[in-house]
PDB file of N, CA and C in Angstrom:
ATOM      1  N   MET A   1       0.851  -1.184   0.000  1.00  0.00           N
ATOM      2  CA  MET A   1       0.000   0.000   0.000  1.00  0.00           C
ATOM      3  C   MET A   1       0.892   1.242   0.000  1.00  0.00           C
ATOM      4  N   THR A   2       0.622   2.157  -0.892  1.00  0.00           N
ATOM      5  CA  THR A   2       1.399   3.398  -0.932  1.00  0.00           C
ATOM      6  C   THR A   2       0.652   4.488  -0.188  1.00  0.00           C
ATOM      7  N   SER A   3       1.422   5.396   0.371  1.00  0.00           N
ATOM      8  CA  SER A   3       0.786   6.517   1.069  1.00  0.00           C
ATOM      9  C   SER A   3       0.443   7.613   0.073  1.00  0.00           C
ATOM     10  N   ALA A   4      -0.505   8.423   0.423  1.00  0.00           N
ATOM     11  CA  ALA A   4      -0.914   9.536  -0.439  1.00  0.00           C
ATOM     12  C   ALA A   4       0.188  10.585  -0.472  1.00  0.00           C
ATOM     13  N   PRO A   5       0.363  11.271  -1.592  1.00  0.00           N
ATOM     14  CA  PRO A   5       1.377  12.315  -1.649  1.00  0.00           C
ATOM     15  C   PRO A   5       1.002  13.487  -0.751  1.00  0.00           C
ATOM     16  N   VAL A   6       2.012  14.228  -0.372  1.00  0.00           N
ATOM     17  CA  VAL A   6       1.802  15.448   0.406  1.00  0.00           C
ATOM     18  C   VAL A   6       2.220  16.638  -0.446  1.00  0.00           C
ATOM     19  N   LEU A   7       1.605  17.778  -0.193  1.00  0.00           N
ATOM     20  CA  LEU A   7       1.985  18.996  -0.902  1.00  0.00           C
ATOM     21  C   LEU A   7       3.350  19.428  -0.386  1.00  0.00           C
ATOM     22  N   HIS A   8       4.349  19.435  -1.261  1.00  0.00           N
ATOM     23  CA  HIS A   8       5.722  19.753  -0.864  1.00  0.00           C
ATOM     24  C   HIS A   8       5.994  21.248  -0.933  1.00  0.00           C
ATOM     25  N   ARG A   9       5.633  21.882  -2.040  1.00  0.00           N
ATOM     26  CA  ARG A   9       5.824  23.333  -2.187  1.00  0.00           C
ATOM     27  C   ARG A   9       5.012  23.832  -3.363  1.00  0.00           C
ATOM     28  N   LEU A  10       4.786  25.129  -3.384  1.00  0.00           N
ATOM     29  CA  LEU A  10       4.219  25.810  -4.538  1.00  0.00           C
ATOM     30  C   LEU A  10       5.345  26.613  -5.160  1.00  0.00           C
ATOM     31  N   VAL A  11       5.430  26.624  -6.486  1.00  0.00           N
ATOM     32  CA  VAL A  11       6.468  27.379  -7.186  1.00  0.00           C
ATOM     33  C   VAL A  11       5.782  28.433  -8.040  1.00  0.00           C
ATOM     34  N   LEU A  12       6.269  29.649  -7.934  1.00  0.00           N
ATOM     35  CA  LEU A  12       5.707  30.779  -8.654  1.00  0.00           C
ATOM     36  C   LEU A  12       6.806  31.428  -9.478  1.00  0.00           C
ATOM     37  N   SER A  13       6.598  31.592 -10.777  1.00  0.00           N
ATOM     38  CA  SER A  13       7.543  32.328 -11.618  1.00  0.00           C
ATOM     39  C   SER A  13       7.268  33.812 -11.488  1.00  0.00           C
ATOM     40  N   ALA A  14       8.330  34.601 -11.407  1.00  0.00           N
ATOM     41  CA  ALA A  14       8.187  36.051 -11.268  1.00  0.00           C
ATOM     42  C   ALA A  14       9.242  36.739 -12.120  1.00  0.00           C
ATOM     43  N   SER A  15       8.831  37.738 -12.881  1.00  0.00           N
ATOM     44  CA  SER A  15       9.795  38.464 -13.710  1.00  0.00           C
ATOM     45  C   SER A  15      10.698  39.354 -12.870  1.00  0.00           C
ATOM     46  N   SER A  16      10.260  39.715 -11.665  1.00  0.00           N
ATOM     47  CA  SER A  16      11.064  40.518 -10.741  1.00  0.00           C
ATOM     48  C   SER A  16      10.954  39.918  -9.346  1.00  0.00           C
ATOM     49  N   LEU A  17      12.041  39.341  -8.865  1.00  0.00           N
ATOM     50  CA  LEU A  17      12.035  38.758  -7.526  1.00  0.00           C
ATOM     51  C   LEU A  17      11.770  39.813  -6.456  1.00  0.00           C
ATOM     52  N   PRO A  18      12.395  41.012  -6.524  1.00  0.00           N
ATOM     53  CA  PRO A  18      12.089  42.034  -5.513  1.00  0.00           C
ATOM     54  C   PRO A  18      10.611  42.436  -5.493  1.00  0.00           C
ATOM     55  N   ALA A  19       9.993  42.575  -6.659  1.00  0.00           N
ATOM     56  CA  ALA A  19       8.569  42.940  -6.702  1.00  0.00           C
ATOM     57  C   ALA A  19       7.713  41.834  -6.097  1.00  0.00           C
ATOM     58  N   ALA A  20       8.040  40.586  -6.388  1.00  0.00           N
ATOM     59  CA  ALA A  20       7.292  39.462  -5.812  1.00  0.00           C
ATOM     60  C   ALA A  20       7.459  39.427  -4.297  1.00  0.00           C
ATOM     61  N   LEU A  21       8.666  39.676  -3.808  1.00  0.00           N
ATOM     62  CA  LEU A  21       8.897  39.683  -2.359  1.00  0.00           C
ATOM     63  C   LEU A  21       8.155  40.829  -1.688  1.00  0.00           C
ATOM     64  N   ASP A  22       8.034  41.973  -2.378  1.00  0.00           N
ATOM     65  CA  ASP A  22       7.250  43.087  -1.824  1.00  0.00           C
ATOM     66  C   ASP A  22       5.816  42.649  -1.542  1.00  0.00           C
ATOM     67  N   LEU A  23       5.241  41.866  -2.450  1.00  0.00           N
ATOM     68  CA  LEU A  23       3.853  41.425  -2.289  1.00  0.00           C
ATOM     69  C   LEU A  23       3.724  40.270  -1.297  1.00  0.00           C
ATOM     70  N   TYR A  24       4.471  39.204  -1.524  1.00  0.00           N
ATOM     71  CA  TYR A  24       4.264  37.983  -0.742  1.00  0.00           C
ATOM     72  C   TYR A  24       4.868  38.059   0.663  1.00  0.00           C
ATOM     73  N   ALA A  25       6.003  38.704   0.811  1.00  0.00           N
ATOM     74  CA  ALA A  25       6.586  38.874   2.152  1.00  0.00           C
ATOM     75  C   ALA A  25       6.121  40.186   2.769  1.00  0.00           C
ATOM     76  N   GLY A  26       6.227  41.280   2.011  1.00  0.00           N
ATOM     77  CA  GLY A  26       5.894  42.591   2.551  1.00  0.00           C
ATOM     78  C   GLY A  26       4.427  42.778   2.865  1.00  0.00           C
ATOM     79  N   VAL A  27       3.553  42.386   1.950  1.00  0.00           N
ATOM     80  CA  VAL A  27       2.113  42.593   2.149  1.00  0.00           C
ATOM     81  C   VAL A  27       1.481  41.432   2.918  1.00  0.00           C
ATOM     82  N   LEU A  28       1.748  40.198   2.489  1.00  0.00           N
ATOM     83  CA  LEU A  28       1.096  39.050   3.118  1.00  0.00           C
ATOM     84  C   LEU A  28       1.818  38.556   4.362  1.00  0.00           C
ATOM     85  N   GLY A  29       3.080  38.938   4.527  1.00  0.00           N
ATOM     86  CA  GLY A  29       3.806  38.557   5.734  1.00  0.00           C
ATOM     87  C   GLY A  29       4.414  37.165   5.715  1.00  0.00           C
ATOM     88  N   LEU A  30       4.562  36.553   4.536  1.00  0.00           N
ATOM     89  CA  LEU A  30       5.229  35.260   4.481  1.00  0.00           C
ATOM     90  C   LEU A  30       6.684  35.440   4.904  1.00  0.00           C
ATOM     91  N   ALA A  31       7.211  34.470   5.624  1.00  0.00           N
ATOM     92  CA  ALA A  31       8.591  34.535   6.114  1.00  0.00           C
ATOM     93  C   ALA A  31       9.547  34.168   4.987  1.00  0.00           C
ATOM     94  N   VAL A  32      10.552  35.015   4.748  1.00  0.00           N
ATOM     95  CA  VAL A  32      11.588  34.711   3.763  1.00  0.00           C
ATOM     96  C   VAL A  32      12.643  33.870   4.473  1.00  0.00           C
ATOM     97  N   GLU A  33      12.793  32.619   4.045  1.00  0.00           N
ATOM     98  CA  GLU A  33      13.759  31.728   4.677  1.00  0.00           C
ATOM     99  C   GLU A  33      15.144  31.889   4.088  1.00  0.00           C
ATOM    100  N   ARG A  34      15.213  32.083   2.763  1.00  0.00           N
ATOM    101  CA  ARG A  34      16.510  32.319   2.122  1.00  0.00           C
ATOM    102  C   ARG A  34      16.281  32.767   0.690  1.00  0.00           C
ATOM    103  N   THR A  35      17.317  33.367   0.119  1.00  0.00           N
ATOM    104  CA  THR A  35      17.313  33.751  -1.289  1.00  0.00           C
ATOM    105  C   THR A  35      18.663  33.363  -1.874  1.00  0.00           C
ATOM    106  N   ALA A  36      18.673  32.996  -3.145  1.00  0.00           N
ATOM    107  CA  ALA A  36      19.923  32.652  -3.821  1.00  0.00           C
ATOM    108  C   ALA A  36      19.679  32.541  -5.316  1.00  0.00           C
ATOM    109  N   ASP A  37      20.538  33.174  -6.090  1.00  0.00           N
ATOM    110  CA  ASP A  37      20.573  32.987  -7.543  1.00  0.00           C
ATOM    111  C   ASP A  37      19.213  33.039  -8.227  1.00  0.00           C
ATOM    112  N   GLY A  38      18.434  34.067  -7.946  1.00  0.00           N
ATOM    113  CA  GLY A  38      17.150  34.222  -8.608  1.00  0.00           C
ATOM    114  C   GLY A  38      16.020  33.406  -8.007  1.00  0.00           C
ATOM    115  N   PHE A  39      16.222  32.875  -6.823  1.00  0.00           N
ATOM    116  CA  PHE A  39      15.193  32.108  -6.119  1.00  0.00           C
ATOM    117  C   PHE A  39      14.979  32.693  -4.735  1.00  0.00           C
ATOM    118  N   ALA A  40      13.776  32.549  -4.223  1.00  0.00           N
ATOM    119  CA  ALA A  40      13.489  32.882  -2.825  1.00  0.00           C
ATOM    120  C   ALA A  40      12.575  31.793  -2.284  1.00  0.00           C
ATOM    121  N   TRP A  41      12.837  31.400  -1.038  1.00  0.00           N
ATOM    122  CA  TRP A  41      12.019  30.407  -0.367  1.00  0.00           C
ATOM    123  C   TRP A  41      11.288  31.107   0.758  1.00  0.00           C
ATOM    124  N   LEU A  42       9.961  31.065   0.687  1.00  0.00           N
ATOM    125  CA  LEU A  42       9.121  31.696   1.702  1.00  0.00           C
ATOM    126  C   LEU A  42       8.289  30.617   2.384  1.00  0.00           C
ATOM    127  N   ARG A  43       7.770  30.938   3.561  1.00  0.00           N
ATOM    128  CA  ARG A  43       6.959  29.966   4.284  1.00  0.00           C
ATOM    129  C   ARG A  43       5.761  30.661   4.915  1.00  0.00           C
ATOM    130  N   THR A  44       4.605  29.996   4.812  1.00  0.00           N
ATOM    131  CA  THR A  44       3.392  30.502   5.449  1.00  0.00           C
ATOM    132  C   THR A  44       3.431  30.165   6.937  1.00  0.00           C
ATOM    133  N   ALA A  45       2.539  30.764   7.689  1.00  0.00           N
ATOM    134  CA  ALA A  45       2.487  30.518   9.133  1.00  0.00           C
ATOM    135  C   ALA A  45       2.215  29.050   9.453  1.00  0.00           C
ATOM    136  N   ASP A  46       1.518  28.346   8.553  1.00  0.00           N
ATOM    137  CA  ASP A  46       1.237  26.929   8.811  1.00  0.00           C
ATOM    138  C   ASP A  46       2.232  25.995   8.136  1.00  0.00           C
ATOM    139  N   GLY A  47       3.336  26.539   7.615  1.00  0.00           N
ATOM    140  CA  GLY A  47       4.438  25.710   7.147  1.00  0.00           C
ATOM    141  C   GLY A  47       4.502  25.392   5.673  1.00  0.00           C
ATOM    142  N   VAL A  48       3.601  25.899   4.850  1.00  0.00           N
ATOM    143  CA  VAL A  48       3.646  25.631   3.413  1.00  0.00           C
ATOM    144  C   VAL A  48       4.752  26.479   2.779  1.00  0.00           C
ATOM    145  N   GLU A  49       5.567  25.838   1.944  1.00  0.00           N
ATOM    146  CA  GLU A  49       6.666  26.540   1.282  1.00  0.00           C
ATOM    147  C   GLU A  49       6.216  27.108  -0.064  1.00  0.00           C
ATOM    148  N   LEU A  50       6.559  28.358  -0.306  1.00  0.00           N
ATOM    149  CA  LEU A  50       6.354  29.004  -1.598  1.00  0.00           C
ATOM    150  C   LEU A  50       7.731  29.373  -2.126  1.00  0.00           C
ATOM    151  N   MET A  51       8.119  28.781  -3.250  1.00  0.00           N
ATOM    152  CA  MET A  51       9.395  29.112  -3.873  1.00  0.00           C
ATOM    153  C   MET A  51       9.105  30.061  -5.030  1.00  0.00           C
ATOM    154  N   VAL A  52       9.762  31.200  -5.038  1.00  0.00           N
ATOM    155  CA  VAL A  52       9.610  32.163  -6.124  1.00  0.00           C
ATOM    156  C   VAL A  52      10.854  32.065  -6.995  1.00  0.00           C
ATOM    157  N   HIS A  53      10.653  31.836  -8.285  1.00  0.00           N
ATOM    158  CA  HIS A  53      11.735  31.664  -9.248  1.00  0.00           C
ATOM    159  C   HIS A  53      11.704  32.849 -10.205  1.00  0.00           C
ATOM    160  N   GLU A  54      12.779  33.623 -10.226  1.00  0.00           N
ATOM    161  CA  GLU A  54      12.836  34.787 -11.110  1.00  0.00           C
ATOM    162  C   GLU A  54      13.159  34.325 -12.524  1.00  0.00           C
ATOM    163  N   ARG A  55      12.168  34.443 -13.383  1.00  0.00           N
ATOM    164  CA  ARG A  55      12.287  34.119 -14.807  1.00  0.00           C
ATOM    165  C   ARG A  55      11.068  34.711 -15.487  1.00  0.00           C
ATOM    166  N   PRO A  56      11.067  34.813 -16.791  1.00  0.00           N
ATOM    167  CA  PRO A  56       9.892  35.384 -17.445  1.00  0.00           C
ATOM    168  C   PRO A  56       8.634  34.621 -17.033  1.00  0.00           C
ATOM    169  N   ALA A  57       7.689  35.337 -16.511  1.00  0.00           N
ATOM    170  CA  ALA A  57       6.449  34.720 -16.050  1.00  0.00           C
ATOM    171  C   ALA A  57       5.405  34.797 -17.143  1.00  0.00           C
ATOM    172  N   VAL A  58       4.690  33.725 -17.325  1.00  0.00           N
ATOM    173  CA  VAL A  58       3.592  33.683 -18.278  1.00  0.00           C
ATOM    174  C   VAL A  58       2.348  33.306 -17.483  1.00  0.00           C
ATOM    175  N   ALA A  59       1.567  34.303 -17.153  1.00  0.00           N
ATOM    176  CA  ALA A  59       0.378  34.061 -16.333  1.00  0.00           C
ATOM    177  C   ALA A  59      -0.815  33.724 -17.214  1.00  0.00           C
ATOM    178  N   SER A  60      -1.711  32.939 -16.650  1.00  0.00           N
ATOM    179  CA  SER A  60      -2.928  32.555 -17.351  1.00  0.00           C
ATOM    180  C   SER A  60      -4.030  32.347 -16.329  1.00  0.00           C
ATOM    181  N   ASP A  61      -5.229  32.748 -16.662  1.00  0.00           N
ATOM    182  CA  ASP A  61      -6.353  32.485 -15.776  1.00  0.00           C
ATOM    183  C   ASP A  61      -6.619  30.983 -15.653  1.00  0.00           C
ATOM    184  N   ALA A  62      -6.079  30.185 -16.573  1.00  0.00           N
ATOM    185  CA  ALA A  62      -6.257  28.741 -16.511  1.00  0.00           C
ATOM    186  C   ALA A  62      -5.282  28.096 -15.528  1.00  0.00           C
ATOM    187  N   ALA A  63      -4.352  28.865 -15.004  1.00  0.00           N
ATOM    188  CA  ALA A  63      -3.372  28.342 -14.059  1.00  0.00           C
ATOM    189  C   ALA A  63      -4.009  28.144 -12.687  1.00  0.00           C
ATOM    190  N   VAL A  64      -3.289  27.480 -11.816  1.00  0.00           N
ATOM    191  CA  VAL A  64      -3.740  27.278 -10.443  1.00  0.00           C
ATOM    192  C   VAL A  64      -3.685  28.605  -9.703  1.00  0.00           C
ATOM    193  N   ALA A  65      -4.709  28.914  -8.940  1.00  0.00           N
ATOM    194  CA  ALA A  65      -4.718  30.131  -8.118  1.00  0.00           C
ATOM    195  C   ALA A  65      -4.373  29.748  -6.685  1.00  0.00           C
ATOM    196  N   VAL A  66      -3.558  30.554  -6.056  1.00  0.00           N
ATOM    197  CA  VAL A  66      -3.185  30.351  -4.661  1.00  0.00           C
ATOM    198  C   VAL A  66      -4.120  31.195  -3.803  1.00  0.00           C
ATOM    199  N   THR A  67      -4.556  30.645  -2.675  1.00  0.00           N
ATOM    200  CA  THR A  67      -5.423  31.375  -1.754  1.00  0.00           C
ATOM    201  C   THR A  67      -4.726  31.520  -0.410  1.00  0.00           C
ATOM    202  N   PHE A  68      -4.688  32.742   0.105  1.00  0.00           N
ATOM    203  CA  PHE A  68      -4.118  33.026   1.418  1.00  0.00           C
ATOM    204  C   PHE A  68      -5.223  33.542   2.325  1.00  0.00           C
ATOM    205  N   ALA A  69      -5.269  33.047   3.562  1.00  0.00           N
ATOM    206  CA  ALA A  69      -6.201  33.552   4.571  1.00  0.00           C
ATOM    207  C   ALA A  69      -5.442  34.515   5.469  1.00  0.00           C
ATOM    208  N   LEU A  70      -6.023  35.681   5.722  1.00  0.00           N
ATOM    209  CA  LEU A  70      -5.353  36.698   6.514  1.00  0.00           C
ATOM    210  C   LEU A  70      -6.374  37.573   7.222  1.00  0.00           C
ATOM    211  N   PRO A  71      -5.959  38.227   8.300  1.00  0.00           N
ATOM    212  CA  PRO A  71      -6.869  39.158   8.972  1.00  0.00           C
ATOM    213  C   PRO A  71      -6.917  40.479   8.208  1.00  0.00           C
ATOM    214  N   GLU A  72      -7.927  41.259   8.447  1.00  0.00           N
ATOM    215  CA  GLU A  72      -8.026  42.620   7.902  1.00  0.00           C
ATOM    216  C   GLU A  72      -7.848  42.657   6.383  1.00  0.00           C
ATOM    217  N   LEU A  73      -8.765  42.028   5.693  1.00  0.00           N
ATOM    218  CA  LEU A  73      -8.710  41.915   4.237  1.00  0.00           C
ATOM    219  C   LEU A  73      -8.636  43.273   3.552  1.00  0.00           C
ATOM    220  N   ASP A  74      -9.448  44.230   3.970  1.00  0.00           N
ATOM    221  CA  ASP A  74      -9.452  45.537   3.304  1.00  0.00           C
ATOM    222  C   ASP A  74      -8.095  46.228   3.402  1.00  0.00           C
ATOM    223  N   ALA A  75      -7.460  46.170   4.562  1.00  0.00           N
ATOM    224  CA  ALA A  75      -6.136  46.774   4.732  1.00  0.00           C
ATOM    225  C   ALA A  75      -5.106  46.061   3.863  1.00  0.00           C
ATOM    226  N   ALA A  76      -5.205  44.736   3.777  1.00  0.00           N
ATOM    227  CA  ALA A  76      -4.275  43.972   2.943  1.00  0.00           C
ATOM    228  C   ALA A  76      -4.431  44.339   1.472  1.00  0.00           C
ATOM    229  N   ILE A  77      -5.666  44.550   1.025  1.00  0.00           N
ATOM    230  CA  ILE A  77      -5.900  44.950  -0.368  1.00  0.00           C
ATOM    231  C   ILE A  77      -5.232  46.296  -0.644  1.00  0.00           C
ATOM    232  N   GLY A  78      -5.355  47.234   0.269  1.00  0.00           N
ATOM    233  CA  GLY A  78      -4.703  48.534   0.100  1.00  0.00           C
ATOM    234  C   GLY A  78      -3.197  48.406  -0.020  1.00  0.00           C
ATOM    235  N   ARG A  79      -2.591  47.568   0.820  1.00  0.00           N
ATOM    236  CA  ARG A  79      -1.136  47.353   0.760  1.00  0.00           C
ATOM    237  C   ARG A  79      -0.744  46.626  -0.521  1.00  0.00           C
ATOM    238  N   TRP A  80      -1.583  45.685  -0.959  1.00  0.00           N
ATOM    239  CA  TRP A  80      -1.325  44.926  -2.187  1.00  0.00           C
ATOM    240  C   TRP A  80      -1.251  45.881  -3.382  1.00  0.00           C
ATOM    241  N   VAL A  81      -2.214  46.762  -3.493  1.00  0.00           N
ATOM    242  CA  VAL A  81      -2.249  47.723  -4.600  1.00  0.00           C
ATOM    243  C   VAL A  81      -1.066  48.688  -4.503  1.00  0.00           C
ATOM    244  N   ALA A  82      -0.742  49.148  -3.303  1.00  0.00           N
ATOM    245  CA  ALA A  82       0.394  50.061  -3.120  1.00  0.00           C
ATOM    246  C   ALA A  82       1.711  49.407  -3.524  1.00  0.00           C
ATOM    247  N   ALA A  83       1.794  48.079  -3.407  1.00  0.00           N
ATOM    248  CA  ALA A  83       3.015  47.360  -3.769  1.00  0.00           C
ATOM    249  C   ALA A  83       3.042  46.952  -5.239  1.00  0.00           C
ATOM    250  N   GLY A  84       2.019  47.338  -6.013  1.00  0.00           N
ATOM    251  CA  GLY A  84       2.033  47.088  -7.449  1.00  0.00           C
ATOM    252  C   GLY A  84       1.054  46.050  -7.946  1.00  0.00           C
ATOM    253  N   GLY A  85       0.322  45.399  -7.054  1.00  0.00           N
ATOM    254  CA  GLY A  85      -0.683  44.427  -7.474  1.00  0.00           C
ATOM    255  C   GLY A  85      -1.963  45.124  -7.907  1.00  0.00           C
ATOM    256  N   THR A  86      -2.876  44.362  -8.475  1.00  0.00           N
ATOM    257  CA  THR A  86      -4.157  44.918  -8.915  1.00  0.00           C
ATOM    258  C   THR A  86      -5.308  44.084  -8.348  1.00  0.00           C
ATOM    259  N   VAL A  87      -6.481  44.695  -8.307  1.00  0.00           N
ATOM    260  CA  VAL A  87      -7.677  44.021  -7.811  1.00  0.00           C
ATOM    261  C   VAL A  87      -8.514  43.554  -8.998  1.00  0.00           C
ATOM    262  N   VAL A  88      -8.883  42.292  -9.004  1.00  0.00           N
ATOM    263  CA  VAL A  88      -9.764  41.725 -10.023  1.00  0.00           C
ATOM    264  C   VAL A  88     -11.206  41.772  -9.522  1.00  0.00           C
ATOM    265  N   ASP A  89     -11.423  41.236  -8.323  1.00  0.00           N
ATOM    266  CA  ASP A  89     -12.740  41.256  -7.678  1.00  0.00           C
ATOM    267  C   ASP A  89     -12.566  41.824  -6.278  1.00  0.00           C
ATOM    268  N   ALA A  90     -13.269  42.908  -5.980  1.00  0.00           N
ATOM    269  CA  ALA A  90     -13.189  43.544  -4.660  1.00  0.00           C
ATOM    270  C   ALA A  90     -13.689  42.582  -3.582  1.00  0.00           C
ATOM    271  N   PRO A  91     -13.282  42.807  -2.334  1.00  0.00           N
ATOM    272  CA  PRO A  91     -13.739  41.941  -1.250  1.00  0.00           C
ATOM    273  C   PRO A  91     -15.265  41.848  -1.219  1.00  0.00           C
ATOM    274  N   ALA A  92     -15.754  40.617  -1.102  1.00  0.00           N
ATOM    275  CA  ALA A  92     -17.201  40.387  -1.064  1.00  0.00           C
ATOM    276  C   ALA A  92     -17.486  39.073  -0.352  1.00  0.00           C
ATOM    277  N   ALA A  93     -18.661  38.999   0.254  1.00  0.00           N
ATOM    278  CA  ALA A  93     -19.107  37.761   0.886  1.00  0.00           C
ATOM    279  C   ALA A  93     -19.389  36.729  -0.206  1.00  0.00           C
ATOM    280  N   GLN A  94     -18.934  35.508   0.018  1.00  0.00           N
ATOM    281  CA  GLN A  94     -19.121  34.428  -0.943  1.00  0.00           C
ATOM    282  C   GLN A  94     -20.233  33.495  -0.464  1.00  0.00           C
ATOM    283  N   PRO A  95     -20.869  32.765  -1.380  1.00  0.00           N
ATOM    284  CA  PRO A  95     -21.960  31.868  -1.001  1.00  0.00           C
ATOM    285  C   PRO A  95     -21.545  30.799   0.014  1.00  0.00           C
ATOM    286  N   TRP A  96     -20.266  30.443   0.056  1.00  0.00           N
ATOM    287  CA  TRP A  96     -19.789  29.410   0.981  1.00  0.00           C
ATOM    288  C   TRP A  96     -19.379  29.986   2.337  1.00  0.00           C
ATOM    289  N   GLY A  97     -19.620  31.292   2.538  1.00  0.00           N
ATOM    290  CA  GLY A  97     -19.447  31.881   3.856  1.00  0.00           C
ATOM    291  C   GLY A  97     -18.180  32.673   4.092  1.00  0.00           C
ATOM    292  N   GLU A  98     -17.271  32.691   3.144  1.00  0.00           N
ATOM    293  CA  GLU A  98     -16.036  33.463   3.304  1.00  0.00           C
ATOM    294  C   GLU A  98     -16.191  34.851   2.701  1.00  0.00           C
ATOM    295  N   ARG A  99     -15.394  35.780   3.199  1.00  0.00           N
ATOM    296  CA  ARG A  99     -15.255  37.097   2.565  1.00  0.00           C
ATOM    297  C   ARG A  99     -13.940  37.038   1.807  1.00  0.00           C
ATOM    298  N   MET A 100     -13.987  37.248   0.502  1.00  0.00           N
ATOM    299  CA  MET A 100     -12.834  36.993  -0.348  1.00  0.00           C
ATOM    300  C   MET A 100     -12.665  38.090  -1.389  1.00  0.00           C
ATOM    301  N   ALA A 101     -11.404  38.322  -1.763  1.00  0.00           N
ATOM    302  CA  ALA A 101     -11.057  39.197  -2.880  1.00  0.00           C
ATOM    303  C   ALA A 101     -10.167  38.403  -3.829  1.00  0.00           C
ATOM    304  N   VAL A 102     -10.211  38.761  -5.096  1.00  0.00           N
ATOM    305  CA  VAL A 102      -9.325  38.168  -6.090  1.00  0.00           C
ATOM    306  C   VAL A 102      -8.435  39.285  -6.607  1.00  0.00           C
ATOM    307  N   VAL A 103      -7.114  39.033  -6.584  1.00  0.00           N
ATOM    308  CA  VAL A 103      -6.138  40.034  -7.003  1.00  0.00           C
ATOM    309  C   VAL A 103      -5.162  39.405  -7.992  1.00  0.00           C
ATOM    310  N   ARG A 104      -4.370  40.261  -8.624  1.00  0.00           N
ATOM    311  CA  ARG A 104      -3.267  39.798  -9.478  1.00  0.00           C
ATOM    312  C   ARG A 104      -1.980  40.368  -8.911  1.00  0.00           C
ATOM    313  N   ASP A 105      -0.918  39.558  -8.991  1.00  0.00           N
ATOM    314  CA  ASP A 105       0.382  40.070  -8.575  1.00  0.00           C
ATOM    315  C   ASP A 105       1.010  40.830  -9.739  1.00  0.00           C
ATOM    316  N   THR A 106       2.250  41.239  -9.601  1.00  0.00           N
ATOM    317  CA  THR A 106       2.901  42.056 -10.635  1.00  0.00           C
ATOM    318  C   THR A 106       3.186  41.278 -11.913  1.00  0.00           C
ATOM    319  N   ASP A 107       3.030  39.948 -11.888  1.00  0.00           N
ATOM    320  CA  ASP A 107       3.169  39.130 -13.086  1.00  0.00           C
ATOM    321  C   ASP A 107       1.828  38.599 -13.573  1.00  0.00           C
ATOM    322  N   ALA A 108       0.736  39.158 -13.056  1.00  0.00           N
ATOM    323  CA  ALA A 108      -0.639  38.845 -13.454  1.00  0.00           C
ATOM    324  C   ALA A 108      -1.130  37.485 -12.980  1.00  0.00           C
ATOM    325  N   HIS A 109      -0.428  36.851 -12.025  1.00  0.00           N
ATOM    326  CA  HIS A 109      -0.930  35.612 -11.429  1.00  0.00           C
ATOM    327  C   HIS A 109      -2.159  35.935 -10.584  1.00  0.00           C
ATOM    328  N   ILE A 110      -3.169  35.091 -10.670  1.00  0.00           N
ATOM    329  CA  ILE A 110      -4.366  35.234  -9.840  1.00  0.00           C
ATOM    330  C   ILE A 110      -4.056  34.739  -8.428  1.00  0.00           C
ATOM    331  N   VAL A 111      -4.402  35.553  -7.440  1.00  0.00           N
ATOM    332  CA  VAL A 111      -4.247  35.206  -6.025  1.00  0.00           C
ATOM    333  C   VAL A 111      -5.568  35.536  -5.339  1.00  0.00           C
ATOM    334  N   CYS A 112      -6.067  34.609  -4.535  1.00  0.00           N
ATOM    335  CA  CYS A 112      -7.285  34.852  -3.760  1.00  0.00           C
ATOM    336  C   CYS A 112      -6.888  35.174  -2.325  1.00  0.00           C
ATOM    337  N   LEU A 113      -7.512  36.187  -1.767  1.00  0.00           N
ATOM    338  CA  LEU A 113      -7.271  36.580  -0.383  1.00  0.00           C
ATOM    339  C   LEU A 113      -8.575  36.421   0.379  1.00  0.00           C
ATOM    340  N   VAL A 114      -8.546  35.622   1.441  1.00  0.00           N
ATOM    341  CA  VAL A 114      -9.725  35.321   2.250  1.00  0.00           C
ATOM    342  C   VAL A 114      -9.523  35.918   3.632  1.00  0.00           C
ATOM    343  N   GLU A 115     -10.558  36.588   4.128  1.00  0.00           N
ATOM    344  CA  GLU A 115     -10.473  37.175   5.465  1.00  0.00           C
ATOM    345  C   GLU A 115     -10.740  36.111   6.517  1.00  0.00           C
ATOM    346  N   GLN A 116      -9.830  36.020   7.488  1.00  0.00           N
ATOM    347  CA  GLN A 116     -10.045  35.107   8.612  1.00  0.00           C
ATOM    348  C   GLN A 116     -11.134  35.676   9.499  1.00  0.00           C
ATOM    349  N   PRO A 117     -12.025  34.819   9.983  1.00  0.00           N
ATOM    350  CA  PRO A 117     -13.106  35.327  10.855  1.00  0.00           C
ATOM    351  C   PRO A 117     -12.574  35.838  12.185  1.00  0.00           C
TER     352      PRO A 117
END
């Protein structure tokens, strides 16, 4: 019997590593564990690793969207926009009970931000 796989990391391509770090570390507060040669390793509060790879990014709405849960959604949206991101869908109550916004990072990747209750 084989065990089920575990999520090891998420990898995000970014055309500018500093711009990506401004959003993911500066705005969302992910911990930067290390950087080297066009890569950065970040970690969420619950231990999920996000590796950012600096290379030409090709974003698509058909790609996987990452969702982050955080307090004070409206304040986070303001910081996200100030750091160069854009808003796709403003914060709104969802049918499944969450308050969520959809944003794009500086490489046009879709990111969902959910307000923690």
